[in-house]
PDB file of N, CA and C in Angstrom:
ATOM      1  N   MET A   1      -5.638  38.521  12.333  1.00  0.00           N
ATOM      2  CA  MET A   1      -5.425  36.725  12.731  1.00  0.00           C
ATOM      3  C   MET A   1      -5.233  35.761  12.240  1.00  0.00           C
ATOM      4  N   PHE A   2      -4.719  34.761  12.322  1.00  0.00           N
ATOM      5  CA  PHE A   2      -4.207  33.399  11.482  1.00  0.00           C
ATOM      6  C   PHE A   2      -5.364  32.537  11.726  1.00  0.00           C
ATOM      7  N   ILE A   3      -5.354  31.476  11.329  1.00  0.00           N
ATOM      8  CA  ILE A   3      -6.141  29.833  11.460  1.00  0.00           C
ATOM      9  C   ILE A   3      -6.123  29.038  10.854  1.00  0.00           C
ATOM     10  N   PHE A   4      -5.000  27.893  11.710  1.00  0.00           N
ATOM     11  CA  PHE A   4      -4.237  27.206  11.664  1.00  0.00           C
ATOM     12  C   PHE A   4      -4.833  25.642  11.821  1.00  0.00           C
ATOM     13  N   CYS A   5      -5.659  25.141  10.696  1.00  0.00           N
ATOM     14  CA  CYS A   5      -5.955  23.740  10.639  1.00  0.00           C
ATOM     15  C   CYS A   5      -4.455  22.311  10.519  1.00  0.00           C
ATOM     16  N   PHE A   6      -4.090  21.757  11.589  1.00  0.00           N
ATOM     17  CA  PHE A   6      -3.306  21.005  10.999  1.00  0.00           C
ATOM     18  C   PHE A   6      -4.284  19.627  10.998  1.00  0.00           C
ATOM     19  N   ILE A   7      -3.724  18.798  10.059  1.00  0.00           N
ATOM     20  CA  ILE A   7      -3.758  17.676   9.519  1.00  0.00           C
ATOM     21  C   ILE A   7      -3.844  16.627   9.310  1.00  0.00           C
ATOM     22  N   THR A   8      -3.872  15.721  10.266  1.00  0.00           N
ATOM     23  CA  THR A   8      -2.674  13.975  10.292  1.00  0.00           C
ATOM     24  C   THR A   8      -2.406  13.624   9.868  1.00  0.00           C
ATOM     25  N   GLU A   9      -1.529  12.896   8.653  1.00  0.00           N
ATOM     26  CA  GLU A   9      -0.790  12.027   7.460  1.00  0.00           C
ATOM     27  C   GLU A   9      -2.370  10.955   8.017  1.00  0.00           C
ATOM     28  N   ASP A  10      -2.592  10.451   8.591  1.00  0.00           N
ATOM     29  CA  ASP A  10      -3.803   9.261   8.570  1.00  0.00           C
ATOM     30  C   ASP A  10      -4.540  10.141   8.226  1.00  0.00           C
ATOM     31  N   GLU A  11      -5.366  11.048   8.618  1.00  0.00           N
ATOM     32  CA  GLU A  11      -6.735  12.040   7.836  1.00  0.00           C
ATOM     33  C   GLU A  11      -6.482  11.428   6.177  1.00  0.00           C
ATOM     34  N   VAL A  12      -5.823  12.325   5.808  1.00  0.00           N
ATOM     35  CA  VAL A  12      -4.765  12.553   4.567  1.00  0.00           C
ATOM     36  C   VAL A  12      -5.367  11.935   3.670  1.00  0.00           C
ATOM     37  N   HIS A  13      -4.485  10.096   4.760  1.00  0.00           N
ATOM     38  CA  HIS A  13      -4.871   8.713   3.563  1.00  0.00           C
ATOM     39  C   HIS A  13      -5.873   8.929   3.396  1.00  0.00           C
ATOM     40  N   ASP A  14      -6.818   8.708   5.307  1.00  0.00           N
ATOM     41  CA  ASP A  14      -8.929   8.350   4.576  1.00  0.00           C
ATOM     42  C   ASP A  14      -9.625   9.453   4.173  1.00  0.00           C
ATOM     43  N   LEU A  15      -8.783  10.064   3.512  1.00  0.00           N
ATOM     44  CA  LEU A  15     -10.095  11.069   2.370  1.00  0.00           C
ATOM     45  C   LEU A  15      -9.662  10.504   0.985  1.00  0.00           C
ATOM     46  N   PHE A  16      -7.735  10.179   0.614  1.00  0.00           N
ATOM     47  CA  PHE A  16      -7.657   9.893  -0.068  1.00  0.00           C
ATOM     48  C   PHE A  16      -8.187   8.144  -0.774  1.00  0.00           C
ATOM     49  N   ARG A  17      -7.942   7.257   0.153  1.00  0.00           N
ATOM     50  CA  ARG A  17      -8.471   6.014  -0.137  1.00  0.00           C
ATOM     51  C   ARG A  17     -10.215   6.358   0.146  1.00  0.00           C
ATOM     52  N   ARG A  18     -10.655   6.800   0.785  1.00  0.00           N
ATOM     53  CA  ARG A  18     -11.640   6.671   0.269  1.00  0.00           C
ATOM     54  C   ARG A  18     -12.345   7.210  -1.108  1.00  0.00           C
ATOM     55  N   ASP A  19     -11.730   8.436  -1.894  1.00  0.00           N
ATOM     56  CA  ASP A  19     -11.555   9.223  -2.740  1.00  0.00           C
ATOM     57  C   ASP A  19     -11.136   7.632  -3.657  1.00  0.00           C
ATOM     58  N   ALA A  20     -10.020   7.118  -3.598  1.00  0.00           N
ATOM     59  CA  ALA A  20     -10.058   5.721  -4.694  1.00  0.00           C
ATOM     60  C   ALA A  20     -10.844   4.300  -5.580  1.00  0.00           C
ATOM     61  N   LYS A  21     -11.557   4.528  -3.633  1.00  0.00           N
ATOM     62  CA  LYS A  21     -12.599   3.203  -4.177  1.00  0.00           C
ATOM     63  C   LYS A  21     -13.339   4.304  -5.646  1.00  0.00           C
ATOM     64  N   SER A  22     -13.719   5.012  -5.812  1.00  0.00           N
ATOM     65  CA  SER A  22     -14.474   5.213  -6.765  1.00  0.00           C
ATOM     66  C   SER A  22     -14.052   6.087  -8.115  1.00  0.00           C
ATOM     67  N   GLU A  23     -12.560   6.226  -7.647  1.00  0.00           N
ATOM     68  CA  GLU A  23     -12.324   6.991  -8.944  1.00  0.00           C
ATOM     69  C   GLU A  23     -10.969   6.500  -9.391  1.00  0.00           C
ATOM     70  N   LYS A  24      -9.909   6.584 -10.433  1.00  0.00           N
ATOM     71  CA  LYS A  24      -8.816   6.215 -10.427  1.00  0.00           C
ATOM     72  C   LYS A  24      -7.903   6.993 -10.129  1.00  0.00           C
ATOM     73  N   VAL A  25      -7.000   7.379  -8.843  1.00  0.00           N
ATOM     74  CA  VAL A  25      -6.129   8.024  -8.009  1.00  0.00           C
ATOM     75  C   VAL A  25      -4.416   7.151  -8.053  1.00  0.00           C
ATOM     76  N   SER A  26      -3.488   8.449  -7.653  1.00  0.00           N
ATOM     77  CA  SER A  26      -1.983   7.906  -6.914  1.00  0.00           C
ATOM     78  C   SER A  26      -2.393   7.333  -5.473  1.00  0.00           C
ATOM     79  N   PRO A  27      -1.717   6.222  -5.035  1.00  0.00           N
ATOM     80  CA  PRO A  27      -1.620   5.672  -4.405  1.00  0.00           C
ATOM     81  C   PRO A  27      -1.424   6.562  -2.811  1.00  0.00           C
ATOM     82  N   PRO A  28      -2.806   6.575  -1.834  1.00  0.00           N
ATOM     83  CA  PRO A  28      -3.035   7.920  -0.625  1.00  0.00           C
ATOM     84  C   PRO A  28      -1.425   8.395  -0.167  1.00  0.00           C
ATOM     85  N   GLU A  29      -0.464   6.808   0.494  1.00  0.00           N
ATOM     86  CA  GLU A  29       0.019   7.216   0.971  1.00  0.00           C
ATOM     87  C   GLU A  29       1.358   8.048   0.548  1.00  0.00           C
ATOM     88  N   VAL A  30       2.061   8.178  -1.588  1.00  0.00           N
ATOM     89  CA  VAL A  30       2.470   8.752  -2.212  1.00  0.00           C
ATOM     90  C   VAL A  30       1.389  10.801  -1.793  1.00  0.00           C
ATOM     91  N   ILE A  31       0.652  10.094  -1.831  1.00  0.00           N
ATOM     92  CA  ILE A  31       0.110  11.722  -1.724  1.00  0.00           C
ATOM     93  C   ILE A  31      -0.147  12.841  -0.417  1.00  0.00           C
ATOM     94  N   ALA A  32      -0.012  12.094   0.272  1.00  0.00           N
ATOM     95  CA  ALA A  32      -0.009  12.030   1.640  1.00  0.00           C
ATOM     96  C   ALA A  32       1.397  12.760   2.105  1.00  0.00           C
ATOM     97  N   LEU A  33       2.471  12.149   1.535  1.00  0.00           N
ATOM     98  CA  LEU A  33       3.275  12.866   2.174  1.00  0.00           C
ATOM     99  C   LEU A  33       3.520  13.199   1.080  1.00  0.00           C
ATOM    100  N   GLN A  34       3.738  14.263  -0.735  1.00  0.00           N
ATOM    101  CA  GLN A  34       3.297  14.728  -1.214  1.00  0.00           C
ATOM    102  C   GLN A  34       2.741  16.342  -0.748  1.00  0.00           C
ATOM    103  N   ILE A  35       1.658  16.373  -0.244  1.00  0.00           N
ATOM    104  CA  ILE A  35       1.213  16.726   0.340  1.00  0.00           C
ATOM    105  C   ILE A  35       1.616  17.497   1.822  1.00  0.00           C
ATOM    106  N   LEU A  36       2.822  16.480   2.507  1.00  0.00           N
ATOM    107  CA  LEU A  36       2.898  17.685   3.066  1.00  0.00           C
ATOM    108  C   LEU A  36       4.435  17.473   3.631  1.00  0.00           C
ATOM    109  N   ALA A  37       5.570  16.945   2.276  1.00  0.00           N
ATOM    110  CA  ALA A  37       6.139  18.192   1.477  1.00  0.00           C
ATOM    111  C   ALA A  37       6.228  18.716   1.489  1.00  0.00           C
ATOM    112  N   ALA A  38       4.665  19.073   0.703  1.00  0.00           N
ATOM    113  CA  ALA A  38       4.483  21.029   0.453  1.00  0.00           C
ATOM    114  C   ALA A  38       4.637  21.617   1.291  1.00  0.00           C
ATOM    115  N   MET A  39       3.288  21.458   1.802  1.00  0.00           N
ATOM    116  CA  MET A  39       3.401  21.949   3.276  1.00  0.00           C
ATOM    117  C   MET A  39       4.153  22.723   4.314  1.00  0.00           C
ATOM    118  N   ASP A  40       6.000  21.716   3.897  1.00  0.00           N
ATOM    119  CA  ASP A  40       6.600  22.356   5.347  1.00  0.00           C
ATOM    120  C   ASP A  40       7.206  23.167   4.650  1.00  0.00           C
ATOM    121  N   GLY A  41       7.736  23.338   3.163  1.00  0.00           N
ATOM    122  CA  GLY A  41       8.711  23.895   1.845  1.00  0.00           C
ATOM    123  C   GLY A  41       7.819  24.574   1.898  1.00  0.00           C
ATOM    124  N   ILE A  42       6.044  25.175   2.350  1.00  0.00           N
ATOM    125  CA  ILE A  42       5.861  26.776   1.593  1.00  0.00           C
ATOM    126  C   ILE A  42       5.886  27.182   3.294  1.00  0.00           C
ATOM    127  N   GLN A  43       5.663  26.740   3.859  1.00  0.00           N
ATOM    128  CA  GLN A  43       5.953  27.158   5.216  1.00  0.00           C
ATOM    129  C   GLN A  43       7.672  27.994   5.926  1.00  0.00           C
ATOM    130  N   LEU A  44       8.457  27.409   5.835  1.00  0.00           N
ATOM    131  CA  LEU A  44       9.714  27.767   5.523  1.00  0.00           C
ATOM    132  C   LEU A  44      10.270  27.855   4.446  1.00  0.00           C
ATOM    133  N   ARG A  45       9.662  28.784   3.346  1.00  0.00           N
ATOM    134  CA  ARG A  45       9.479  29.823   2.534  1.00  0.00           C
ATOM    135  C   ARG A  45       8.946  31.066   3.253  1.00  0.00           C
ATOM    136  N   TRP A  46       8.112  30.878   4.220  1.00  0.00           N
ATOM    137  CA  TRP A  46       7.747  31.712   4.515  1.00  0.00           C
ATOM    138  C   TRP A  46       7.909  32.316   5.685  1.00  0.00           C
ATOM    139  N   LEU A  47       8.066  31.660   6.280  1.00  0.00           N
ATOM    140  CA  LEU A  47       8.729  31.662   7.896  1.00  0.00           C
ATOM    141  C   LEU A  47       9.702  32.470   7.147  1.00  0.00           C
ATOM    142  N   GLN A  48      10.490  33.115   6.228  1.00  0.00           N
ATOM    143  CA  GLN A  48      11.607  32.944   6.103  1.00  0.00           C
ATOM    144  C   GLN A  48      11.676  34.214   5.314  1.00  0.00           C
ATOM    145  N   ARG A  49      10.764  34.771   4.738  1.00  0.00           N
ATOM    146  CA  ARG A  49      10.140  35.589   4.131  1.00  0.00           C
ATOM    147  C   ARG A  49       8.645  36.670   4.241  1.00  0.00           C
ATOM    148  N   ILE A  50       8.034  36.509   5.411  1.00  0.00           N
ATOM    149  CA  ILE A  50       6.909  36.709   5.533  1.00  0.00           C
ATOM    150  C   ILE A  50       5.766  37.501   4.998  1.00  0.00           C
ATOM    151  N   ASP A  51       7.018  39.150   4.654  1.00  0.00           N
ATOM    152  CA  ASP A  51       6.309  39.978   3.627  1.00  0.00           C
ATOM    153  C   ASP A  51       6.565  39.909   2.668  1.00  0.00           C
ATOM    154  N   GLN A  52       7.488  38.312   1.428  1.00  0.00           N
ATOM    155  CA  GLN A  52       7.235  37.977   0.629  1.00  0.00           C
ATOM    156  C   GLN A  52       6.202  37.165   0.359  1.00  0.00           C
ATOM    157  N   VAL A  53       6.146  36.345   0.623  1.00  0.00           N
ATOM    158  CA  VAL A  53       5.185  34.730   0.539  1.00  0.00           C
ATOM    159  C   VAL A  53       2.974  34.827   1.267  1.00  0.00           C
ATOM    160  N   ASP A  54       3.285  34.901   0.464  1.00  0.00           N
ATOM    161  CA  ASP A  54       1.606  34.909   0.409  1.00  0.00           C
ATOM    162  C   ASP A  54       1.144  32.656   0.729  1.00  0.00           C
ATOM    163  N   LEU A  55       1.941  33.013   1.820  1.00  0.00           N
ATOM    164  CA  LEU A  55       1.151  31.848   2.042  1.00  0.00           C
ATOM    165  C   LEU A  55      -0.818  30.397   1.585  1.00  0.00           C
ATOM    166  N   VAL A  56      -1.423  31.319   2.255  1.00  0.00           N
ATOM    167  CA  VAL A  56      -2.515  30.530   1.437  1.00  0.00           C
ATOM    168  C   VAL A  56      -2.838  30.699  -0.214  1.00  0.00           C
ATOM    169  N   GLU A  57      -1.961  31.824  -0.072  1.00  0.00           N
ATOM    170  CA  GLU A  57      -1.906  31.721  -1.741  1.00  0.00           C
ATOM    171  C   GLU A  57      -1.350  30.260  -2.250  1.00  0.00           C
ATOM    172  N   GLN A  58      -0.214  30.304  -2.124  1.00  0.00           N
ATOM    173  CA  GLN A  58       1.225  29.691  -2.196  1.00  0.00           C
ATOM    174  C   GLN A  58       0.136  27.728  -2.113  1.00  0.00           C
ATOM    175  N   TRP A  59      -0.756  27.720  -0.897  1.00  0.00           N
ATOM    176  CA  TRP A  59      -0.564  26.173   0.065  1.00  0.00           C
ATOM    177  C   TRP A  59      -1.833  25.902  -0.925  1.00  0.00           C
ATOM    178  N   ASP A  60      -2.850  27.308  -1.606  1.00  0.00           N
ATOM    179  CA  ASP A  60      -3.937  26.427  -2.516  1.00  0.00           C
ATOM    180  C   ASP A  60      -2.826  26.566  -4.169  1.00  0.00           C
ATOM    181  N   LEU A  61      -1.843  27.033  -4.566  1.00  0.00           N
ATOM    182  CA  LEU A  61      -1.647  26.156  -5.830  1.00  0.00           C
ATOM    183  C   LEU A  61      -1.210  25.322  -6.249  1.00  0.00           C
ATOM    184  N   MET A  62      -0.586  25.354  -4.401  1.00  0.00           N
ATOM    185  CA  MET A  62       0.363  22.872  -4.798  1.00  0.00           C
ATOM    186  C   MET A  62      -1.023  22.720  -4.771  1.00  0.00           C
ATOM    187  N   MET A  63      -1.851  23.079  -3.544  1.00  0.00           N
ATOM    188  CA  MET A  63      -3.218  21.796  -3.447  1.00  0.00           C
ATOM    189  C   MET A  63      -3.790  21.429  -4.697  1.00  0.00           C
ATOM    190  N   GLU A  64      -4.063  22.711  -6.072  1.00  0.00           N
ATOM    191  CA  GLU A  64      -4.938  22.657  -7.257  1.00  0.00           C
ATOM    192  C   GLU A  64      -4.123  20.911  -7.732  1.00  0.00           C
ATOM    193  N   HIS A  65      -2.480  21.591  -8.258  1.00  0.00           N
ATOM    194  CA  HIS A  65      -0.966  20.853  -8.545  1.00  0.00           C
ATOM    195  C   HIS A  65      -1.627  19.346  -8.592  1.00  0.00           C
ATOM    196  N   ILE A  66      -1.382  19.092  -6.661  1.00  0.00           N
ATOM    197  CA  ILE A  66      -1.385  17.753  -6.207  1.00  0.00           C
ATOM    198  C   ILE A  66      -2.396  17.083  -6.784  1.00  0.00           C
ATOM    199  N   LEU A  67      -3.128  18.286  -6.412  1.00  0.00           N
ATOM    200  CA  LEU A  67      -5.081  17.037  -6.784  1.00  0.00           C
ATOM    201  C   LEU A  67      -4.609  16.540  -7.973  1.00  0.00           C
ATOM    202  N   ALA A  68      -4.163  17.523  -9.173  1.00  0.00           N
ATOM    203  CA  ALA A  68      -5.022  17.667 -10.567  1.00  0.00           C
ATOM    204  C   ALA A  68      -3.910  16.005 -10.490  1.00  0.00           C
ATOM    205  N   GLN A  69      -2.854  16.629 -10.908  1.00  0.00           N
ATOM    206  CA  GLN A  69      -1.513  15.004 -10.722  1.00  0.00           C
ATOM    207  C   GLN A  69      -2.842  13.468 -10.494  1.00  0.00           C
ATOM    208  N   SER A  70      -3.239  13.575  -8.553  1.00  0.00           N
ATOM    209  CA  SER A  70      -3.126  12.123  -8.277  1.00  0.00           C
ATOM    210  C   SER A  70      -4.045  12.136  -9.154  1.00  0.00           C
ATOM    211  N   ASN A  71      -5.109  12.847  -9.906  1.00  0.00           N
ATOM    212  CA  ASN A  71      -6.941  12.633 -10.618  1.00  0.00           C
ATOM    213  C   ASN A  71      -6.490  12.356 -12.526  1.00  0.00           C
ATOM    214  N   ASP A  72      -5.180  12.216 -12.745  1.00  0.00           N
ATOM    215  CA  ASP A  72      -4.005  12.313 -13.771  1.00  0.00           C
ATOM    216  C   ASP A  72      -4.126  10.731 -14.100  1.00  0.00           C
ATOM    217  N   SER A  73      -3.154  10.288 -12.690  1.00  0.00           N
ATOM    218  CA  SER A  73      -2.756   8.353 -12.817  1.00  0.00           C
ATOM    219  C   SER A  73      -4.196   7.912 -13.221  1.00  0.00           C
TER     220      SER A  73
END
């Protein structure tokens, strides 16, 4: 069973704006676009190779990478 959770670009912006008030992070618009682009790419790879690509694992790794970069800025 798959459970899909969709978050809008505006919701991503709001999350990062809130975090940006407490610490220095990349602009929320940049991070939101990176997140949406990453998910699109991972989904395409998964759809092409469902038996070879672990969507959740790839998503978790990408989010760790994006969030680590946003906190380094």
